[in-house]
Protein backbone atom coordinates (compact mmCIF):
# COMPACT_ATOMS: atom_id res chain seq x y z
CA MET A 1 0.00 0.00 0.00
CA TRP A 2 2.88 2.36 0.79
CA LEU A 3 4.12 2.22 -2.83
CA TYR A 4 0.73 3.37 -4.11
CA VAL A 5 0.88 6.39 -1.81
CA GLU A 6 4.49 7.06 -2.75
CA THR A 7 3.72 6.84 -6.45
CA PHE A 8 0.72 9.19 -6.07
CA LEU A 9 2.78 11.74 -4.12
CA LEU A 10 5.75 11.58 -6.47
CA VAL A 11 3.63 12.16 -9.58
CA PHE A 12 1.62 14.81 -7.72
CA LEU A 13 4.88 16.62 -6.84
CA THR A 14 6.18 16.16 -10.36
CA ASP A 15 3.19 17.97 -11.82
CA VAL A 16 3.11 20.74 -9.22
CA LEU A 17 6.81 21.40 -9.58
CA TYR A 18 6.60 21.22 -13.36
CA THR A 19 4.39 24.31 -13.23
CA TYR A 20 7.24 26.10 -11.38
CA TYR A 21 9.61 24.92 -14.08
CA LEU A 22 7.37 26.31 -16.82
CA LYS A 23 7.01 29.64 -14.97
CA SER A 24 10.81 29.89 -14.64
CA VAL A 25 11.25 29.24 -18.35
CA ALA A 26 8.57 31.80 -19.23
CA LYS A 27 10.28 34.38 -17.02
CA ASN A 28 13.67 33.57 -18.63
CA LYS A 29 15.28 32.41 -15.36
CA PRO A 30 17.71 29.69 -16.49
CA LEU A 31 19.13 28.81 -13.05
CA MET A 32 15.70 28.34 -11.47
CA ALA A 33 14.45 26.44 -14.53
CA SER A 34 17.45 24.14 -14.29
CA PHE A 35 16.84 23.53 -10.61
CA TRP A 36 13.16 22.70 -11.11
CA ALA A 37 13.99 20.47 -14.10
CA THR A 38 16.33 18.44 -11.88
CA VAL A 39 13.77 18.02 -9.11
CA VAL A 40 11.03 17.13 -11.58
CA THR A 41 13.23 14.55 -13.29
CA PHE A 42 14.10 12.93 -9.98
CA CYS A 43 10.46 12.68 -8.83
CA ALA A 44 9.27 11.40 -12.22
CA SER A 45 12.08 8.83 -12.41
CA VAL A 46 11.32 7.28 -9.03
CA ALA A 47 7.61 7.20 -9.85
CA ALA A 48 8.35 5.56 -13.21
CA ILE A 49 10.42 2.87 -11.52
CA ASN A 50 7.42 2.12 -9.25
CA TYR A 51 4.87 1.70 -12.03
CA VAL A 52 7.19 -0.15 -14.38
CA GLU A 53 7.66 -2.79 -11.67
CA ASP A 54 3.90 -2.97 -10.91
CA HIS A 55 1.49 -1.81 -13.62
CA THR A 56 -1.36 -1.40 -11.16
CA MET A 57 0.54 1.66 -9.89
CA LEU A 58 -0.57 3.43 -13.04
CA VAL A 59 -3.87 4.20 -11.30
CA ALA A 60 -2.02 6.02 -8.49
CA SER A 61 0.14 7.71 -11.10
CA LEU A 62 -2.82 8.99 -13.13
CA LEU A 63 -4.57 10.26 -10.01
CA GLY A 64 -1.37 12.01 -8.91
CA ALA A 65 -0.97 13.62 -12.34
CA PHE A 66 -4.52 14.91 -12.33
CA CYS A 67 -4.38 16.29 -8.77
CA GLY A 68 -0.85 17.68 -9.13
CA THR A 69 -1.64 19.56 -12.32
CA TYR A 70 -4.85 20.92 -10.83
CA VAL A 71 -3.09 22.16 -7.68
CA GLY A 72 -0.15 23.53 -9.65
CA MET A 73 -2.44 25.50 -11.95
CA ARG A 74 -4.59 26.78 -9.09
CA LYS A 75 -1.63 28.12 -7.13
CA LYS A 76 -1.61 31.85 -7.77
CA ASN A 77 1.71 33.11 -6.41
CA ASP A 78 4.33 33.62 -9.11
């Protein structure tokens, strides 16, 4: 059960932090964009390892992607 929660949280974080990455790119801030790209890649990589090993984790991954993108887009502070 823990891996389902972990996968959800990792994909959730990936999508929330990806919005920060996109904002940094849009504002032409290369150092911040590079930082966020590194964090996003790490979170996404660990999540991918989880659902490659157990395909039922795709459900947790999809839910995390939906929720993470929603939260990332709703966050107003730039």
